[in-house]
Protein backbone atom coordinates (compact mmCIF):
# COMPACT_ATOMS: atom_id res chain seq x y z
CA MET A 1 6.16 14.70 -23.43
CA SER A 2 3.85 15.29 -20.46
CA ASP A 3 0.98 17.77 -20.34
CA VAL A 4 0.97 19.67 -17.03
CA HIS A 5 -1.55 22.43 -16.36
CA PRO A 6 0.18 25.67 -15.32
CA THR A 7 -1.71 25.80 -12.00
CA SER A 8 -0.29 22.44 -10.88
CA ILE A 9 2.92 22.00 -8.88
CA VAL A 10 5.33 19.21 -9.80
CA ALA A 11 8.26 19.08 -7.39
CA PRO A 12 11.80 18.66 -8.69
CA GLY A 13 12.69 14.98 -8.64
CA ALA A 14 9.24 13.70 -9.59
CA ARG A 15 9.32 11.34 -12.56
CA LEU A 16 6.59 11.60 -15.19
CA GLY A 17 6.17 8.94 -17.86
CA ALA A 18 5.42 9.64 -21.49
CA GLY A 19 1.95 10.99 -22.14
CA VAL A 20 1.14 11.87 -18.52
CA ARG A 21 -1.62 14.47 -18.22
CA ILE A 22 -1.93 16.55 -15.06
CA GLY A 23 -4.98 18.80 -14.85
CA PRO A 24 -5.49 21.98 -12.80
CA PHE A 25 -4.46 22.43 -9.17
CA CYS A 26 -2.63 19.14 -8.61
CA THR A 27 0.39 18.73 -6.32
CA ILE A 28 3.05 16.09 -7.07
CA GLY A 29 5.79 15.38 -4.54
CA PRO A 30 9.51 14.92 -5.23
CA GLN A 31 9.53 11.12 -4.74
CA VAL A 32 6.51 10.42 -6.93
CA GLU A 33 6.64 8.37 -10.12
CA LEU A 34 3.72 8.49 -12.58
CA GLY A 35 3.63 5.80 -15.25
CA GLU A 36 3.04 6.49 -18.90
CA ALA A 37 -0.34 7.88 -19.95
CA CYS A 38 -1.51 8.49 -16.35
CA GLU A 39 -4.16 11.15 -16.02
CA LEU A 40 -4.80 13.30 -12.95
CA VAL A 41 -8.06 15.07 -13.69
CA SER A 42 -7.71 17.97 -11.23
CA HIS A 43 -7.10 18.81 -7.54
CA VAL A 44 -5.16 15.57 -6.94
CA VAL A 45 -2.38 15.28 -4.35
CA VAL A 46 0.28 12.57 -4.75
CA ALA A 47 2.90 12.65 -2.00
CA GLY A 48 5.52 10.43 -0.39
CA ARG A 49 7.47 7.64 -2.09
CA THR A 50 4.58 6.76 -4.38
CA SER A 51 4.58 4.90 -7.69
CA ILE A 52 1.50 5.00 -9.93
CA GLY A 53 1.28 2.51 -12.79
CA ALA A 54 0.62 3.19 -16.45
CA ARG A 55 -2.74 4.51 -17.64
CA ALA A 56 -4.14 5.07 -14.17
CA LYS A 57 -6.85 7.73 -13.98
CA ILE A 58 -7.23 9.71 -10.75
CA TYR A 59 -10.17 12.01 -10.12
CA PRO A 60 -10.48 15.27 -8.13
CA PHE A 61 -9.62 15.49 -4.45
CA ALA A 62 -7.96 12.07 -4.24
CA SER A 63 -4.96 12.03 -1.88
CA LEU A 64 -2.35 9.31 -2.37
CA GLY A 65 0.85 8.66 -0.46
CA GLN A 66 0.32 10.80 2.61
CA ALA A 67 1.72 9.62 5.94
CA PRO A 68 -0.06 6.62 7.52
CA GLN A 69 -2.74 7.16 10.13
CA ASP A 70 -0.82 5.18 12.72
CA LEU A 71 0.40 6.67 15.99
CA LYS A 72 3.45 4.37 15.85
CA TYR A 73 4.65 6.01 12.64
CA ARG A 74 7.91 7.88 13.16
CA GLY A 75 8.55 9.35 9.73
CA GLU A 76 10.17 6.31 8.11
CA ASP A 77 10.51 6.48 4.32
CA SER A 78 7.67 4.08 3.57
CA GLY A 79 5.94 3.81 0.22
CA LEU A 80 2.81 3.28 -1.84
CA SER A 81 2.58 1.31 -5.07
CA VAL A 82 -0.44 1.47 -7.40
CA GLY A 83 -0.67 -0.90 -10.38
CA ASP A 84 -1.46 -0.26 -14.04
CA ASP A 85 -4.88 0.75 -15.35
CA CYS A 86 -6.43 1.61 -11.99
CA ILE A 87 -9.37 4.00 -11.68
CA ILE A 88 -9.35 6.09 -8.51
CA ARG A 89 -12.42 8.25 -8.06
CA GLU A 90 -13.15 11.42 -6.11
CA GLY A 91 -11.92 11.80 -2.55
CA VAL A 92 -10.11 8.45 -2.32
CA THR A 93 -7.30 8.26 0.26
CA ILE A 94 -4.47 5.70 0.28
CA ASN A 95 -1.65 5.97 2.82
CA THR A 96 1.93 4.71 2.75
CA GLY A 97 3.21 1.85 4.92
CA THR A 98 4.98 1.66 8.26
CA ALA A 99 8.10 -0.01 9.63
CA GLY A 100 5.92 -2.48 11.52
CA GLY A 101 3.97 -3.56 8.46
CA GLY A 102 6.49 -4.04 5.66
CA MET A 103 6.99 -0.36 4.72
CA GLU A 104 4.62 -0.41 1.75
CA THR A 105 0.95 -0.22 0.86
CA ARG A 106 0.23 -1.99 -2.44
CA LEU A 107 -2.65 -1.79 -4.90
CA GLY A 108 -2.70 -4.19 -7.84
CA ALA A 109 -3.58 -3.65 -11.49
CA ARG A 110 -7.00 -2.75 -12.90
CA CYS A 111 -8.51 -1.92 -9.53
CA VAL A 112 -11.46 0.45 -9.23
CA LEU A 113 -11.79 2.55 -6.08
CA LEU A 114 -15.02 4.52 -6.04
CA ALA A 115 -15.60 7.85 -4.32
CA TYR A 116 -14.34 8.39 -0.77
CA SER A 117 -13.03 4.88 -0.25
CA HIS A 118 -9.93 4.51 1.95
CA VAL A 119 -7.04 2.03 2.01
CA GLY A 120 -5.02 2.06 5.22
CA HIS A 121 -1.29 1.64 5.75
CA ASP A 122 0.48 -1.61 4.88
CA SER A 123 -2.57 -3.11 3.21
CA THR A 124 -2.14 -5.24 0.10
CA ILE A 125 -4.89 -5.18 -2.53
CA GLY A 126 -4.79 -7.70 -5.40
CA ASP A 127 -5.60 -7.23 -9.07
CA ASP A 128 -9.08 -6.38 -10.40
CA VAL A 129 -10.47 -5.48 -6.97
CA ILE A 130 -13.48 -3.16 -6.66
CA LEU A 131 -13.98 -0.94 -3.61
CA SER A 132 -17.34 0.81 -3.86
CA ASN A 133 -18.20 4.21 -2.42
CA ASN A 134 -17.18 4.88 1.19
CA VAL A 135 -15.43 1.54 1.74
CA MET A 136 -13.06 1.70 4.72
CA VAL A 137 -10.10 -0.70 4.62
CA ALA A 138 -8.00 -0.49 7.79
CA GLY A 139 -4.28 -1.11 8.05
CA HIS A 140 -2.53 -4.44 7.37
CA VAL A 141 -5.52 -5.86 5.43
CA ARG A 142 -4.97 -8.39 2.61
CA ILE A 143 -7.49 -8.55 -0.24
CA GLY A 144 -7.25 -11.15 -3.02
CA ASP A 145 -7.80 -10.73 -6.74
CA PHE A 146 -11.30 -9.96 -8.07
CA ALA A 147 -12.77 -9.32 -4.62
CA VAL A 148 -15.68 -6.84 -4.49
CA LEU A 149 -16.51 -4.70 -1.45
CA SER A 150 -19.88 -2.96 -1.73
CA GLY A 151 -20.71 0.54 -0.55
CA GLY A 152 -20.00 1.48 3.05
CA VAL A 153 -18.15 -1.71 3.97
CA GLY A 154 -15.73 -1.48 6.89
CA VAL A 155 -12.84 -3.96 7.25
CA HIS A 156 -11.03 -4.52 10.56
CA GLN A 157 -7.25 -4.22 10.60
CA PHE A 158 -5.23 -7.39 9.88
CA SER A 159 -8.20 -9.08 8.21
CA ARG A 160 -7.77 -11.23 5.10
CA ILE A 161 -10.26 -11.35 2.23
CA GLY A 162 -9.80 -14.16 -0.27
CA ALA A 163 -9.89 -13.93 -4.05
CA HIS A 164 -13.31 -13.60 -5.71
CA ALA A 165 -15.01 -12.85 -2.39
CA PHE A 166 -17.96 -10.45 -2.16
CA ILE A 167 -19.03 -8.32 0.82
CA GLY A 168 -22.51 -6.80 0.82
CA GLY A 169 -23.15 -3.11 1.39
CA LEU A 170 -22.83 -1.56 4.87
CA SER A 171 -21.23 -4.72 6.27
CA GLY A 172 -18.60 -4.65 9.00
CA LEU A 173 -16.03 -7.42 8.52
CA GLU A 174 -14.12 -8.27 11.69
CA GLY A 175 -12.37 -11.45 10.54
CA ASP A 176 -11.05 -13.40 7.56
CA LEU A 177 -13.37 -14.08 4.62
CA ILE A 178 -12.61 -17.22 2.61
CA PRO A 179 -11.89 -17.06 -1.13
CA PHE A 180 -15.14 -17.16 -3.15
CA GLY A 181 -17.12 -16.35 0.01
CA LEU A 182 -20.12 -14.07 0.35
CA ALA A 183 -20.46 -12.07 3.57
CA LEU A 184 -23.27 -9.81 4.74
CA GLY A 185 -24.29 -7.83 7.79
CA ASN A 186 -22.95 -5.89 10.73
CA ARG A 187 -21.09 -7.71 12.04
CA ALA A 188 -20.61 -9.60 8.79
CA GLN A 189 -21.42 -13.30 8.66
CA LEU A 190 -20.76 -15.79 5.93
CA ALA A 191 -23.81 -16.23 3.70
CA GLY A 192 -22.54 -18.83 1.25
CA LEU A 193 -20.40 -18.63 -1.88
CA ASN A 194 -20.23 -15.76 -4.34
CA LEU A 195 -22.06 -17.79 -6.98
CA ILE A 196 -23.06 -14.80 -9.10
CA GLY A 197 -19.45 -13.67 -9.30
CA LEU A 198 -18.24 -17.17 -10.13
CA ARG A 199 -20.74 -17.51 -12.99
CA ARG A 200 -19.98 -14.06 -14.34
CA ARG A 201 -16.29 -14.99 -14.50
CA ASN A 202 -17.06 -18.24 -16.30
CA PHE A 203 -16.02 -20.72 -13.64
CA SER A 204 -17.01 -24.20 -14.79
CA ARG A 205 -19.96 -26.14 -13.36
CA GLU A 206 -17.52 -28.72 -12.07
CA THR A 207 -15.49 -26.13 -10.17
CA ILE A 208 -18.58 -24.52 -8.68
CA ALA A 209 -19.88 -27.93 -7.60
CA ALA A 210 -16.53 -28.75 -5.97
CA LEU A 211 -16.50 -25.42 -4.13
CA GLN A 212 -20.05 -26.02 -2.90
CA GLY A 213 -19.19 -29.50 -1.71
CA ALA A 214 -16.13 -28.23 0.15
CA TYR A 215 -18.11 -25.35 1.64
CA ARG A 216 -20.76 -27.70 3.05
CA ILE A 217 -18.05 -29.75 4.79
CA LEU A 218 -16.07 -26.77 6.03
CA PHE A 219 -18.98 -24.99 7.65
CA ALA A 220 -21.07 -27.88 8.89
CA ASP A 221 -22.21 -27.63 12.50
CA GLY A 222 -20.09 -29.34 15.13
CA GLY A 223 -16.63 -30.80 15.10
CA VAL A 224 -13.29 -29.07 14.82
CA MET A 225 -12.43 -26.82 11.90
CA ARG A 226 -9.03 -28.39 11.24
CA ASP A 227 -10.66 -31.82 10.86
CA ARG A 228 -13.24 -30.41 8.44
CA VAL A 229 -10.46 -28.73 6.47
CA ASP A 230 -8.64 -32.07 6.12
CA LEU A 231 -11.85 -33.81 5.01
CA ALA A 232 -12.65 -31.13 2.43
CA ALA A 233 -9.12 -31.36 1.08
CA GLU A 234 -9.41 -35.14 0.82
CA LYS A 235 -12.72 -35.07 -1.03
CA PHE A 236 -12.39 -31.96 -3.22
CA GLY A 237 -8.75 -30.87 -3.06
CA ALA A 238 -8.07 -31.98 -6.63
CA ASP A 239 -9.78 -28.79 -7.75
CA ALA A 240 -7.30 -25.90 -7.77
CA ASN A 241 -9.86 -23.41 -6.48
CA VAL A 242 -10.81 -25.63 -3.56
CA SER A 243 -7.10 -25.98 -2.83
CA GLU A 244 -6.88 -22.18 -2.70
CA MET A 245 -9.69 -22.09 -0.15
CA ILE A 246 -8.05 -24.84 1.92
CA ALA A 247 -4.69 -23.06 1.86
CA PHE A 248 -6.36 -19.84 3.02
CA LEU A 249 -7.91 -21.62 6.00
CA ARG A 250 -4.68 -23.42 6.90
CA ALA A 251 -2.65 -20.21 6.81
CA SER A 252 -2.29 -18.51 10.15
CA GLY A 253 -4.14 -15.22 10.43
CA ASP A 254 -4.55 -12.61 13.13
CA ARG A 255 -8.34 -12.54 12.88
CA PRO A 256 -11.05 -15.21 13.31
CA ILE A 257 -12.68 -16.81 10.28
CA CYS A 258 -15.98 -15.27 9.18
CA ARG A 259 -18.61 -18.04 9.55
CA PRO A 260 -22.28 -18.64 8.81
CA PRO A 261 -24.72 -17.60 11.56
CA ARG A 262 -25.44 -21.15 12.77
CA ALA A 263 -21.89 -22.49 12.57
CA ALA A 264 -20.83 -23.88 15.92
CA ALA A 265 -17.63 -22.69 17.55
CA ASP A 266 -14.67 -25.05 17.36
CA ALA A 267 -14.19 -27.35 20.32
């Protein structure tokens, strides 16, 4: 029930769902699983222990599931998981995981990865994420749902990016970006909340006001961040989205928090 072009190679053991279409000159490895109605346009390589969700569309010269670009990798049987309804454009590369990072790289549902973007080993990408052209996501990065990374963005390994965050084009993010945050520049600095994104996704006025109030407390000059986090939680924590931001800041991360340019360092 699959349509495979005669110039493509599908290794024995690969599992193809109903209605899969594989165009010319594709190579599918023996541990690959393609969900129903997937389409590989042409010249696509899917290797390793890789699972692609239903109705994904993958464009020419994308390479998914190759070994991680990590010198510590020793050939362990790590994997890659891609969710349903993803669009993966030309030249995209996504590597499998490593033993030191959980053994799997994960991409959620309905993500759009534009041309020549890269997702490194052991990274976890949420649902409905957009990576624009030439975005470079290093290993062990965590990106929340609905985040948008504009063209040419580079993300340092082990960084966290919260849900609904937005990073402007050509930015270099070295730390953790709060949920709903807007970051710009090289190196990227926090420039406020992603208000355009919040309005486009129909967040209520009350929620946006609560997020703005919490933001003003969290990134005020002076004081200690943990005290500002407690104050923001006390004043605005009844809002679920503020609670998400507070939880993000309270969670331990390997990278510093991305802050506004004039924010003072913690005492």
